[in-house]
């Protein structure tokens, strides 16, 4: 039987964390270990863990001094003792079948390195985002990332990208893999999940998305420059930078070139190329120009970061190496 550690990074959201921990007590397949990663100065969150009924969960916490989600997750990976490490956010509440579904996929195929599922997303913490999508967690041939993990329906299937609020990994697949410290940001460090899952996928492991391995995700307040739907120039730049680094790591040389050309000429709503700038110019005026300029700066700095750190992300253990060891 596989041993499962649930890893929850948390920062100054005590009520959300209590709801998350309570949901973990309701799992059909109980966790073998729950590790909450807490900033060393965040006594409020530490108190939540200390006061939580110890008989209801195998719960402990570890402290991290460095700000940012990357440092917190890496601290949690070092502390986790399970064969499977299931990661969720403190503003999420896994549904009762969550761990049971996750375990079934890892047990069925030793080539499965990661499993994720749907997050029923409550915008602003209250408004459920409706919709369905058959395409989830893919990187298109020219480098555009299709997430939509909160809208996925249908049968379990292979994907390339898992979402940070609902992702789990086989420990042997990530034995030498850590979240990317090159990514920018002081809190959420957007796209750390993209970079991590793509690194595992690139090493040859299967990543499975199962809509039935689902959680409720109540978007809570962030405590950094990235305030979700409110524009912030630093957060916008950081997101483009981080996505660029992750994709340049993942894509082979020809697709890498195609991606860079597409990013400059077309882009997306969240990372403008020339076409997106022209599209939004009539509506947003100079604001569209600001977004375009930040996008180009983010792409350029992402390219520079990637060039300085080439090869740093090839540390995931390959399935064949595990099978023969």
C-alpha atoms as a PDB file:
ATOM      1  CA  UNK A   1       0.000   0.000   0.000  1.00  0.00           C
ATOM      2  CA  UNK A   2       1.289   3.406  -0.930  1.00  0.00           C
ATOM      3  CA  UNK A   3       1.854   5.937   1.803  1.00  0.00           C
ATOM      4  CA  UNK A   4       0.369   9.368   1.059  1.00  0.00           C
ATOM      5  CA  UNK A   5       1.566  12.697   2.409  1.00  0.00           C
ATOM      6  CA  UNK A   6      -0.689  15.716   1.916  1.00  0.00           C
ATOM      7  CA  UNK A   7       1.313  18.935   1.640  1.00  0.00           C
ATOM      8  CA  UNK A   8      -0.368  22.287   2.359  1.00  0.00           C
ATOM      9  CA  UNK A   9       1.583  25.574   2.203  1.00  0.00           C
ATOM     10  CA  UNK A  10      -0.236  28.225   4.235  1.00  0.00           C
ATOM     11  CA  UNK A  11       0.268  31.893   5.000  1.00  0.00           C
ATOM     12  CA  UNK A  12      -2.018  34.098   7.102  1.00  0.00           C
ATOM     13  CA  UNK A  13      -5.274  32.389   6.094  1.00  0.00           C
ATOM     14  CA  UNK A  14      -6.294  30.584   9.315  1.00  0.00           C
ATOM     15  CA  UNK A  15      -9.980  30.138   8.512  1.00  0.00           C
ATOM     16  CA  UNK A  16      -9.200  28.742   5.070  1.00  0.00           C
ATOM     17  CA  UNK A  17      -6.637  26.365   6.531  1.00  0.00           C
ATOM     18  CA  UNK A  18      -9.124  25.073   9.132  1.00  0.00           C
ATOM     19  CA  UNK A  19     -11.617  24.316   6.330  1.00  0.00           C
ATOM     20  CA  UNK A  20      -8.917  22.511   4.341  1.00  0.00           C
ATOM     21  CA  UNK A  21      -7.846  20.384   7.301  1.00  0.00           C
ATOM     22  CA  UNK A  22     -11.441  19.585   8.157  1.00  0.00           C
ATOM     23  CA  UNK A  23     -11.986  18.371   4.583  1.00  0.00           C
ATOM     24  CA  UNK A  24      -8.969  16.093   4.919  1.00  0.00           C
ATOM     25  CA  UNK A  25     -10.591  14.415   7.929  1.00  0.00           C
ATOM     26  CA  UNK A  26     -13.482  13.423   5.653  1.00  0.00           C
ATOM     27  CA  UNK A  27     -11.417  11.514   3.088  1.00  0.00           C
ATOM     28  CA  UNK A  28     -12.595   8.019   2.124  1.00  0.00           C
ATOM     29  CA  UNK A  29      -8.908   7.099   2.005  1.00  0.00           C
ATOM     30  CA  UNK A  30      -7.243   8.787   4.959  1.00  0.00           C
ATOM     31  CA  UNK A  31      -3.871  10.526   4.505  1.00  0.00           C
ATOM     32  CA  UNK A  32      -0.900   8.878   6.195  1.00  0.00           C
ATOM     33  CA  UNK A  33       0.663  12.248   6.891  1.00  0.00           C
ATOM     34  CA  UNK A  34      -0.369  15.896   6.598  1.00  0.00           C
ATOM     35  CA  UNK A  35       2.402  18.499   6.480  1.00  0.00           C
ATOM     36  CA  UNK A  36       1.535  22.194   6.700  1.00  0.00           C
ATOM     37  CA  UNK A  37       4.354  24.540   5.678  1.00  0.00           C
ATOM     38  CA  UNK A  38       4.220  27.750   7.691  1.00  0.00           C
ATOM     39  CA  UNK A  39       6.309  30.930   7.591  1.00  0.00           C
ATOM     40  CA  UNK A  40       8.393  31.112  10.766  1.00  0.00           C
ATOM     41  CA  UNK A  41       6.878  34.506  11.622  1.00  0.00           C
ATOM     42  CA  UNK A  42       3.262  33.400  11.026  1.00  0.00           C
ATOM     43  CA  UNK A  43       2.211  32.481  14.562  1.00  0.00           C
ATOM     44  CA  UNK A  44      -1.468  32.725  13.617  1.00  0.00           C
ATOM     45  CA  UNK A  45      -1.200  29.782  11.216  1.00  0.00           C
ATOM     46  CA  UNK A  46       1.033  27.833  13.565  1.00  0.00           C
ATOM     47  CA  UNK A  47      -1.684  28.132  16.221  1.00  0.00           C
ATOM     48  CA  UNK A  48      -4.272  26.630  13.862  1.00  0.00           C
ATOM     49  CA  UNK A  49      -2.155  23.516  13.415  1.00  0.00           C
ATOM     50  CA  UNK A  50      -1.324  23.211  17.095  1.00  0.00           C
ATOM     51  CA  UNK A  51      -4.972  23.581  18.113  1.00  0.00           C
ATOM     52  CA  UNK A  52      -6.396  21.214  15.505  1.00  0.00           C
ATOM     53  CA  UNK A  53      -7.624  17.925  17.064  1.00  0.00           C
ATOM     54  CA  UNK A  54      -4.555  15.712  16.782  1.00  0.00           C
ATOM     55  CA  UNK A  55      -6.598  12.501  16.911  1.00  0.00           C
ATOM     56  CA  UNK A  56      -8.381  13.392  13.653  1.00  0.00           C
ATOM     57  CA  UNK A  57      -5.310  13.791  11.403  1.00  0.00           C
ATOM     58  CA  UNK A  58      -1.634  12.717  11.422  1.00  0.00           C
ATOM     59  CA  UNK A  59      -0.765  16.414  11.315  1.00  0.00           C
ATOM     60  CA  UNK A  60       2.471  18.343  11.767  1.00  0.00           C
ATOM     61  CA  UNK A  61       3.951  21.602  10.558  1.00  0.00           C
ATOM     62  CA  UNK A  62       7.350  22.712   9.322  1.00  0.00           C
ATOM     63  CA  UNK A  63       8.653  26.270   9.262  1.00  0.00           C
ATOM     64  CA  UNK A  64      10.155  28.159   6.332  1.00  0.00           C
ATOM     65  CA  UNK A  65      12.018  31.453   6.666  1.00  0.00           C
ATOM     66  CA  UNK A  66      12.166  32.496   3.025  1.00  0.00           C
ATOM     67  CA  UNK A  67       9.034  34.149   1.534  1.00  0.00           C
ATOM     68  CA  UNK A  68       7.347  32.745  -1.557  1.00  0.00           C
ATOM     69  CA  UNK A  69       5.533  29.599  -2.571  1.00  0.00           C
ATOM     70  CA  UNK A  70       8.589  28.012  -4.202  1.00  0.00           C
ATOM     71  CA  UNK A  71      10.556  27.977  -0.930  1.00  0.00           C
ATOM     72  CA  UNK A  72       7.512  26.721   0.978  1.00  0.00           C
ATOM     73  CA  UNK A  73       6.865  23.867  -1.435  1.00  0.00           C
ATOM     74  CA  UNK A  74      10.505  22.827  -1.513  1.00  0.00           C
ATOM     75  CA  UNK A  75      10.594  22.816   2.279  1.00  0.00           C
ATOM     76  CA  UNK A  76       7.507  20.620   2.250  1.00  0.00           C
ATOM     77  CA  UNK A  77       9.023  18.204  -0.259  1.00  0.00           C
ATOM     78  CA  UNK A  78      12.059  17.798   1.967  1.00  0.00           C
ATOM     79  CA  UNK A  79       9.849  17.035   4.962  1.00  0.00           C
ATOM     80  CA  UNK A  80       7.330  14.715   3.286  1.00  0.00           C
ATOM     81  CA  UNK A  81       7.785  11.012   3.997  1.00  0.00           C
ATOM     82  CA  UNK A  82       5.099   9.518   1.760  1.00  0.00           C
ATOM     83  CA  UNK A  83       5.453   7.530  -1.459  1.00  0.00           C
ATOM     84  CA  UNK A  84       2.921   9.942  -2.952  1.00  0.00           C
ATOM     85  CA  UNK A  85       2.933  13.660  -2.189  1.00  0.00           C
ATOM     86  CA  UNK A  86      -0.468  15.265  -2.742  1.00  0.00           C
ATOM     87  CA  UNK A  87      -0.322  19.056  -2.823  1.00  0.00           C
ATOM     88  CA  UNK A  88      -3.213  21.413  -2.303  1.00  0.00           C
ATOM     89  CA  UNK A  89      -3.745  25.042  -1.302  1.00  0.00           C
ATOM     90  CA  UNK A  90      -4.938  26.224   2.090  1.00  0.00           C
ATOM     91  CA  UNK A  91      -7.963  27.841   0.413  1.00  0.00           C
ATOM     92  CA  UNK A  92      -9.034  24.505  -1.042  1.00  0.00           C
ATOM     93  CA  UNK A  93     -11.210  21.744   0.387  1.00  0.00           C
ATOM     94  CA  UNK A  94     -10.598  18.315  -1.174  1.00  0.00           C
ATOM     95  CA  UNK A  95     -13.746  16.296  -1.757  1.00  0.00           C
ATOM     96  CA  UNK A  96     -14.040  12.918   0.038  1.00  0.00           C
ATOM     97  CA  UNK A  97     -12.872  10.739  -2.877  1.00  0.00           C
ATOM     98  CA  UNK A  98      -9.792  12.884  -3.627  1.00  0.00           C
ATOM     99  CA  UNK A  99      -7.028  10.698  -2.187  1.00  0.00           C
ATOM    100  CA  UNK A 100      -8.781   7.469  -3.146  1.00  0.00           C
ATOM    101  CA  UNK A 101      -8.831   8.477  -6.826  1.00  0.00           C
ATOM    102  CA  UNK A 102      -5.250   9.700  -6.718  1.00  0.00           C
ATOM    103  CA  UNK A 103      -3.978   6.475  -5.173  1.00  0.00           C
ATOM    104  CA  UNK A 104      -5.796   4.337  -7.735  1.00  0.00           C
ATOM    105  CA  UNK A 105      -3.932   5.940 -10.641  1.00  0.00           C
ATOM    106  CA  UNK A 106      -0.507   5.596  -9.059  1.00  0.00           C
ATOM    107  CA  UNK A 107      -1.216   1.992  -8.085  1.00  0.00           C
ATOM    108  CA  UNK A 108      -2.446   1.056 -11.565  1.00  0.00           C
ATOM    109  CA  UNK A 109       0.661   2.122 -13.503  1.00  0.00           C
ATOM    110  CA  UNK A 110       4.178   2.652 -12.167  1.00  0.00           C
ATOM    111  CA  UNK A 111       4.900   4.975 -15.084  1.00  0.00           C
ATOM    112  CA  UNK A 112       2.456   7.524 -13.644  1.00  0.00           C
ATOM    113  CA  UNK A 113       4.554  10.303 -12.121  1.00  0.00           C
ATOM    114  CA  UNK A 114       1.786  12.806 -11.390  1.00  0.00           C
ATOM    115  CA  UNK A 115      -1.994  12.994 -10.923  1.00  0.00           C
ATOM    116  CA  UNK A 116      -4.242  16.040 -10.785  1.00  0.00           C
ATOM    117  CA  UNK A 117      -7.912  16.793 -10.893  1.00  0.00           C
ATOM    118  CA  UNK A 118     -10.601  19.397 -11.208  1.00  0.00           C
ATOM    119  CA  UNK A 119     -10.753  22.369  -8.880  1.00  0.00           C
ATOM    120  CA  UNK A 120     -14.266  23.749  -8.619  1.00  0.00           C
ATOM    121  CA  UNK A 121     -13.244  27.383  -8.624  1.00  0.00           C
ATOM    122  CA  UNK A 122     -15.153  29.921  -6.541  1.00  0.00           C
ATOM    123  CA  UNK A 123     -14.093  33.342  -7.805  1.00  0.00           C
ATOM    124  CA  UNK A 124     -13.581  35.750  -4.955  1.00  0.00           C
ATOM    125  CA  UNK A 125     -14.262  32.824  -2.654  1.00  0.00           C
ATOM    126  CA  UNK A 126     -18.012  32.677  -3.386  1.00  0.00           C
ATOM    127  CA  UNK A 127     -18.953  32.619  -7.093  1.00  0.00           C
ATOM    128  CA  UNK A 128     -18.579  29.253  -8.789  1.00  0.00           C
ATOM    129  CA  UNK A 129     -17.160  29.560 -12.301  1.00  0.00           C
ATOM    130  CA  UNK A 130     -19.438  27.535 -14.559  1.00  0.00           C
ATOM    131  CA  UNK A 131     -18.486  25.722 -17.735  1.00  0.00           C
ATOM    132  CA  UNK A 132     -17.006  22.563 -19.180  1.00  0.00           C
ATOM    133  CA  UNK A 133     -13.888  21.834 -21.177  1.00  0.00           C
ATOM    134  CA  UNK A 134     -12.735  18.618 -22.803  1.00  0.00           C
ATOM    135  CA  UNK A 135      -9.230  20.027 -23.327  1.00  0.00           C
ATOM    136  CA  UNK A 136      -7.252  20.499 -20.115  1.00  0.00           C
ATOM    137  CA  UNK A 137      -3.600  20.854 -19.206  1.00  0.00           C
ATOM    138  CA  UNK A 138      -2.030  20.892 -22.664  1.00  0.00           C
ATOM    139  CA  UNK A 139       0.766  22.790 -24.391  1.00  0.00           C
ATOM    140  CA  UNK A 140      -0.155  23.428 -28.005  1.00  0.00           C
ATOM    141  CA  UNK A 141       2.454  22.855 -30.716  1.00  0.00           C
ATOM    142  CA  UNK A 142       3.327  26.541 -30.861  1.00  0.00           C
ATOM    143  CA  UNK A 143       3.639  26.908 -27.099  1.00  0.00           C
ATOM    144  CA  UNK A 144       0.294  28.254 -25.927  1.00  0.00           C
ATOM    145  CA  UNK A 145      -0.694  26.693 -22.598  1.00  0.00           C
ATOM    146  CA  UNK A 146      -4.275  25.508 -22.159  1.00  0.00           C
ATOM    147  CA  UNK A 147      -5.089  25.168 -18.445  1.00  0.00           C
ATOM    148  CA  UNK A 148      -8.841  24.982 -17.721  1.00  0.00           C
ATOM    149  CA  UNK A 149      -8.307  22.514 -14.880  1.00  0.00           C
ATOM    150  CA  UNK A 150     -11.340  24.035 -13.171  1.00  0.00           C
ATOM    151  CA  UNK A 151     -13.587  23.095 -16.087  1.00  0.00           C
ATOM    152  CA  UNK A 152     -12.435  19.591 -16.985  1.00  0.00           C
ATOM    153  CA  UNK A 153     -15.003  16.877 -17.656  1.00  0.00           C
ATOM    154  CA  UNK A 154     -14.904  13.324 -18.968  1.00  0.00           C
ATOM    155  CA  UNK A 155     -12.650  10.347 -18.339  1.00  0.00           C
ATOM    156  CA  UNK A 156      -9.156  10.417 -16.843  1.00  0.00           C
ATOM    157  CA  UNK A 157      -6.511  11.169 -19.474  1.00  0.00           C
ATOM    158  CA  UNK A 158      -2.881  12.064 -20.032  1.00  0.00           C
ATOM    159  CA  UNK A 159      -1.978  15.738 -19.818  1.00  0.00           C
ATOM    160  CA  UNK A 160       1.172  17.844 -19.736  1.00  0.00           C
ATOM    161  CA  UNK A 161       0.287  20.366 -17.034  1.00  0.00           C
ATOM    162  CA  UNK A 162      -1.142  19.960 -13.524  1.00  0.00           C
ATOM    163  CA  UNK A 163      -2.512  22.803 -11.407  1.00  0.00           C
ATOM    164  CA  UNK A 164      -0.890  23.701  -8.122  1.00  0.00           C
ATOM    165  CA  UNK A 165      -4.080  23.591  -6.062  1.00  0.00           C
ATOM    166  CA  UNK A 166      -4.642  19.958  -6.987  1.00  0.00           C
ATOM    167  CA  UNK A 167      -1.569  17.999  -7.972  1.00  0.00           C
ATOM    168  CA  UNK A 168       0.221  14.953  -6.616  1.00  0.00           C
ATOM    169  CA  UNK A 169       3.486  13.271  -7.491  1.00  0.00           C
ATOM    170  CA  UNK A 170       5.207   9.941  -7.018  1.00  0.00           C
ATOM    171  CA  UNK A 171       8.172  10.602  -4.783  1.00  0.00           C
ATOM    172  CA  UNK A 172      10.549   8.563  -6.920  1.00  0.00           C
ATOM    173  CA  UNK A 173       9.629  10.700  -9.955  1.00  0.00           C
ATOM    174  CA  UNK A 174      10.679  13.890  -8.196  1.00  0.00           C
ATOM    175  CA  UNK A 175      13.512  12.523  -6.091  1.00  0.00           C
ATOM    176  CA  UNK A 176      15.905  15.152  -7.443  1.00  0.00           C
ATOM    177  CA  UNK A 177      13.303  17.649  -8.612  1.00  0.00           C
ATOM    178  CA  UNK A 178      12.466  20.852  -6.797  1.00  0.00           C
ATOM    179  CA  UNK A 179      10.308  23.865  -7.577  1.00  0.00           C
ATOM    180  CA  UNK A 180      12.190  26.352  -9.701  1.00  0.00           C
ATOM    181  CA  UNK A 181      13.959  29.052  -7.686  1.00  0.00           C
ATOM    182  CA  UNK A 182      14.579  31.066 -10.863  1.00  0.00           C
ATOM    183  CA  UNK A 183      10.900  32.069 -10.935  1.00  0.00           C
ATOM    184  CA  UNK A 184      10.041  35.625  -9.932  1.00  0.00           C
ATOM    185  CA  UNK A 185       7.558  36.847  -7.337  1.00  0.00           C
ATOM    186  CA  UNK A 186       7.427  37.350  -3.605  1.00  0.00           C
ATOM    187  CA  UNK A 187       4.331  35.246  -2.866  1.00  0.00           C
ATOM    188  CA  UNK A 188       2.425  33.039  -5.284  1.00  0.00           C
ATOM    189  CA  UNK A 189       5.260  32.923  -7.873  1.00  0.00           C
ATOM    190  CA  UNK A 190       2.816  32.183 -10.661  1.00  0.00           C
ATOM    191  CA  UNK A 191       3.518  29.231 -12.986  1.00  0.00           C
ATOM    192  CA  UNK A 192       5.649  27.300 -10.503  1.00  0.00           C
ATOM    193  CA  UNK A 193       3.182  24.427 -11.023  1.00  0.00           C
ATOM    194  CA  UNK A 194       3.581  24.719 -14.807  1.00  0.00           C
ATOM    195  CA  UNK A 195       7.369  24.506 -14.594  1.00  0.00           C
ATOM    196  CA  UNK A 196       7.285  21.600 -12.148  1.00  0.00           C
ATOM    197  CA  UNK A 197       4.802  19.436 -14.022  1.00  0.00           C
ATOM    198  CA  UNK A 198       6.478  20.058 -17.368  1.00  0.00           C
ATOM    199  CA  UNK A 199       9.827  18.985 -15.902  1.00  0.00           C
ATOM    200  CA  UNK A 200       8.294  15.692 -14.728  1.00  0.00           C
ATOM    201  CA  UNK A 201       6.591  15.198 -18.098  1.00  0.00           C
ATOM    202  CA  UNK A 202       9.796  15.933 -19.977  1.00  0.00           C
ATOM    203  CA  UNK A 203      11.565  13.226 -17.981  1.00  0.00           C
ATOM    204  CA  UNK A 204       9.165  10.686 -19.485  1.00  0.00           C
ATOM    205  CA  UNK A 205       6.591  10.205 -16.728  1.00  0.00           C
ATOM    206  CA  UNK A 206       2.859  10.095 -17.357  1.00  0.00           C
ATOM    207  CA  UNK A 207       0.729  12.866 -15.893  1.00  0.00           C
ATOM    208  CA  UNK A 208      -2.951  12.026 -15.421  1.00  0.00           C
ATOM    209  CA  UNK A 209      -5.853  14.455 -15.081  1.00  0.00           C
ATOM    210  CA  UNK A 210      -8.907  12.876 -13.460  1.00  0.00           C
ATOM    211  CA  UNK A 211     -11.921  15.220 -13.132  1.00  0.00           C
ATOM    212  CA  UNK A 212     -13.273  12.995 -10.345  1.00  0.00           C
ATOM    213  CA  UNK A 213     -10.197  13.623  -8.156  1.00  0.00           C
ATOM    214  CA  UNK A 214     -11.670  16.998  -7.376  1.00  0.00           C
ATOM    215  CA  UNK A 215     -11.501  19.750  -4.809  1.00  0.00           C
ATOM    216  CA  UNK A 216     -13.427  22.906  -4.014  1.00  0.00           C
ATOM    217  CA  UNK A 217     -11.179  25.926  -4.462  1.00  0.00           C
ATOM    218  CA  UNK A 218     -12.291  29.113  -2.696  1.00  0.00           C
ATOM    219  CA  UNK A 219     -10.010  31.844  -4.004  1.00  0.00           C
ATOM    220  CA  UNK A 220      -8.636  33.660  -0.962  1.00  0.00           C
ATOM    221  CA  UNK A 221      -6.684  36.874  -0.507  1.00  0.00           C
ATOM    222  CA  UNK A 222      -3.046  36.972  -1.520  1.00  0.00           C
ATOM    223  CA  UNK A 223      -0.418  38.937   0.356  1.00  0.00           C
ATOM    224  CA  UNK A 224       1.885  39.972  -2.463  1.00  0.00           C
ATOM    225  CA  UNK A 225       1.814  42.137  -5.588  1.00  0.00           C
ATOM    226  CA  UNK A 226      -0.269  39.546  -7.470  1.00  0.00           C
ATOM    227  CA  UNK A 227      -3.904  40.272  -6.574  1.00  0.00           C
ATOM    228  CA  UNK A 228      -5.403  37.909  -9.146  1.00  0.00           C
ATOM    229  CA  UNK A 229      -7.712  39.938 -11.422  1.00  0.00           C
ATOM    230  CA  UNK A 230      -6.388  43.374 -10.435  1.00  0.00           C
ATOM    231  CA  UNK A 231      -3.701  44.584 -12.807  1.00  0.00           C
ATOM    232  CA  UNK A 232      -0.263  45.062 -11.296  1.00  0.00           C
ATOM    233  CA  UNK A 233       2.718  45.767 -13.542  1.00  0.00           C
ATOM    234  CA  UNK A 234       5.193  43.747 -11.462  1.00  0.00           C
ATOM    235  CA  UNK A 235       2.895  40.736 -11.231  1.00  0.00           C
ATOM    236  CA  UNK A 236       2.144  40.933 -14.973  1.00  0.00           C
ATOM    237  CA  UNK A 237       5.855  41.018 -15.831  1.00  0.00           C
ATOM    238  CA  UNK A 238       6.667  38.188 -13.411  1.00  0.00           C
ATOM    239  CA  UNK A 239       3.965  35.932 -14.859  1.00  0.00           C
ATOM    240  CA  UNK A 240       5.235  36.397 -18.419  1.00  0.00           C
ATOM    241  CA  UNK A 241       8.820  35.837 -17.302  1.00  0.00           C
ATOM    242  CA  UNK A 242       7.970  32.648 -15.414  1.00  0.00           C
ATOM    243  CA  UNK A 243       5.881  31.177 -18.228  1.00  0.00           C
ATOM    244  CA  UNK A 244       8.676  31.878 -20.690  1.00  0.00           C
ATOM    245  CA  UNK A 245      11.282  30.097 -18.567  1.00  0.00           C
ATOM    246  CA  UNK A 246       9.026  27.063 -18.063  1.00  0.00           C
ATOM    247  CA  UNK A 247       8.222  26.682 -21.758  1.00  0.00           C
ATOM    248  CA  UNK A 248      11.766  27.205 -22.982  1.00  0.00           C
ATOM    249  CA  UNK A 249      12.851  24.446 -20.608  1.00  0.00           C
ATOM    250  CA  UNK A 250      10.176  22.107 -21.918  1.00  0.00           C
ATOM    251  CA  UNK A 251      10.017  22.643 -25.663  1.00  0.00           C
ATOM    252  CA  UNK A 252      12.477  21.050 -28.104  1.00  0.00           C
ATOM    253  CA  UNK A 253      14.615  23.465 -30.189  1.00  0.00           C
ATOM    254  CA  UNK A 254      12.331  23.870 -33.219  1.00  0.00           C
ATOM    255  CA  UNK A 255       9.168  24.311 -31.150  1.00  0.00           C
ATOM    256  CA  UNK A 256      11.094  26.709 -28.926  1.00  0.00           C
ATOM    257  CA  UNK A 257      11.770  28.910 -31.939  1.00  0.00           C
ATOM    258  CA  UNK A 258       8.141  28.702 -33.068  1.00  0.00           C
ATOM    259  CA  UNK A 259       6.989  29.637 -29.553  1.00  0.00           C
ATOM    260  CA  UNK A 260       9.176  32.739 -29.430  1.00  0.00           C
ATOM    261  CA  UNK A 261       7.938  33.910 -32.839  1.00  0.00           C
ATOM    262  CA  UNK A 262       4.306  33.284 -31.855  1.00  0.00           C
ATOM    263  CA  UNK A 263       4.791  35.036 -28.505  1.00  0.00           C
ATOM    264  CA  UNK A 264       6.133  38.170 -30.183  1.00  0.00           C
ATOM    265  CA  UNK A 265       3.710  38.243 -33.111  1.00  0.00           C
ATOM    266  CA  UNK A 266       0.478  36.963 -31.483  1.00  0.00           C
ATOM    267  CA  UNK A 267       0.560  36.207 -27.744  1.00  0.00           C
ATOM    268  CA  UNK A 268      -2.373  35.813 -25.362  1.00  0.00           C
ATOM    269  CA  UNK A 269      -4.653  37.960 -23.213  1.00  0.00           C
ATOM    270  CA  UNK A 270      -2.146  37.600 -20.376  1.00  0.00           C
ATOM    271  CA  UNK A 271       1.026  38.039 -22.444  1.00  0.00           C
ATOM    272  CA  UNK A 272       0.496  40.373 -25.362  1.00  0.00           C
ATOM    273  CA  UNK A 273       2.142  39.950 -28.726  1.00  0.00           C
ATOM    274  CA  UNK A 274       1.581  42.438 -31.539  1.00  0.00           C
ATOM    275  CA  UNK A 275      -1.761  40.913 -32.599  1.00  0.00           C
ATOM    276  CA  UNK A 276      -3.163  41.018 -29.046  1.00  0.00           C
ATOM    277  CA  UNK A 277      -1.976  44.610 -28.646  1.00  0.00           C
ATOM    278  CA  UNK A 278      -3.833  45.599 -31.829  1.00  0.00           C
ATOM    279  CA  UNK A 279      -6.907  43.669 -30.681  1.00  0.00           C
ATOM    280  CA  UNK A 280      -7.161  45.458 -27.336  1.00  0.00           C
ATOM    281  CA  UNK A 281      -5.909  48.875 -28.442  1.00  0.00           C
ATOM    282  CA  UNK A 282      -9.371  50.285 -29.362  1.00  0.00           C
ATOM    283  CA  UNK A 283     -10.806  49.258 -25.991  1.00  0.00           C
ATOM    284  CA  UNK A 284      -7.864  49.827 -23.632  1.00  0.00           C
ATOM    285  CA  UNK A 285      -5.808  52.515 -25.381  1.00  0.00           C
ATOM    286  CA  UNK A 286      -2.450  53.193 -23.737  1.00  0.00           C
ATOM    287  CA  UNK A 287      -3.150  50.463 -21.169  1.00  0.00           C
ATOM    288  CA  UNK A 288      -2.855  47.918 -23.977  1.00  0.00           C
ATOM    289  CA  UNK A 289       0.481  49.446 -24.893  1.00  0.00           C
ATOM    290  CA  UNK A 290       1.688  49.085 -21.308  1.00  0.00           C
ATOM    291  CA  UNK A 291       0.707  45.426 -21.285  1.00  0.00           C
ATOM    292  CA  UNK A 292       2.481  44.827 -24.579  1.00  0.00           C
ATOM    293  CA  UNK A 293       5.670  46.468 -23.380  1.00  0.00           C
ATOM    294  CA  UNK A 294       5.633  44.499 -20.102  1.00  0.00           C
ATOM    295  CA  UNK A 295       5.020  41.325 -22.082  1.00  0.00           C
ATOM    296  CA  UNK A 296       8.007  41.920 -24.328  1.00  0.00           C
ATOM    297  CA  UNK A 297      10.185  42.732 -21.322  1.00  0.00           C
ATOM    298  CA  UNK A 298       8.963  39.589 -19.554  1.00  0.00           C
ATOM    299  CA  UNK A 299       9.694  37.444 -22.607  1.00  0.00           C
ATOM    300  CA  UNK A 300      13.162  38.949 -22.984  1.00  0.00           C
ATOM    301  CA  UNK A 301      14.066  38.563 -19.319  1.00  0.00           C
ATOM    302  CA  UNK A 302      12.641  35.049 -19.356  1.00  0.00           C
ATOM    303  CA  UNK A 303      14.893  34.226 -22.296  1.00  0.00           C
ATOM    304  CA  UNK A 304      17.882  35.667 -20.438  1.00  0.00           C
ATOM    305  CA  UNK A 305      17.068  33.685 -17.295  1.00  0.00           C
ATOM    306  CA  UNK A 306      16.650  30.508 -19.299  1.00  0.00           C
ATOM    307  CA  UNK A 307      19.968  30.991 -21.110  1.00  0.00           C
ATOM    308  CA  UNK A 308      21.799  31.451 -17.826  1.00  0.00           C
ATOM    309  CA  UNK A 309      20.185  28.367 -16.278  1.00  0.00           C
ATOM    310  CA  UNK A 310      19.966  25.903 -19.171  1.00  0.00           C
ATOM    311  CA  UNK A 311      20.034  22.321 -17.975  1.00  0.00           C
ATOM    312  CA  UNK A 312      19.021  23.084 -14.396  1.00  0.00           C
ATOM    313  CA  UNK A 313      15.591  21.532 -14.895  1.00  0.00           C
ATOM    314  CA  UNK A 314      16.639  18.079 -16.143  1.00  0.00           C
ATOM    315  CA  UNK A 315      16.716  16.491 -12.745  1.00  0.00           C
ATOM    316  CA  UNK A 316      13.507  14.489 -12.668  1.00  0.00           C
ATOM    317  CA  UNK A 317      14.241  10.768 -12.474  1.00  0.00           C
ATOM    318  CA  UNK A 318      13.237   8.838 -15.584  1.00  0.00           C
ATOM    319  CA  UNK A 319      10.716   5.962 -15.292  1.00  0.00           C
ATOM    320  CA  UNK A 320      13.183   3.480 -16.838  1.00  0.00           C
ATOM    321  CA  UNK A 321      15.795   4.355 -14.241  1.00  0.00           C
ATOM    322  CA  UNK A 322      13.321   3.676 -11.467  1.00  0.00           C
ATOM    323  CA  UNK A 323      12.152   0.401 -12.977  1.00  0.00           C
ATOM    324  CA  UNK A 324      15.716  -0.944 -13.284  1.00  0.00           C
ATOM    325  CA  UNK A 325      16.989   0.264  -9.930  1.00  0.00           C
END
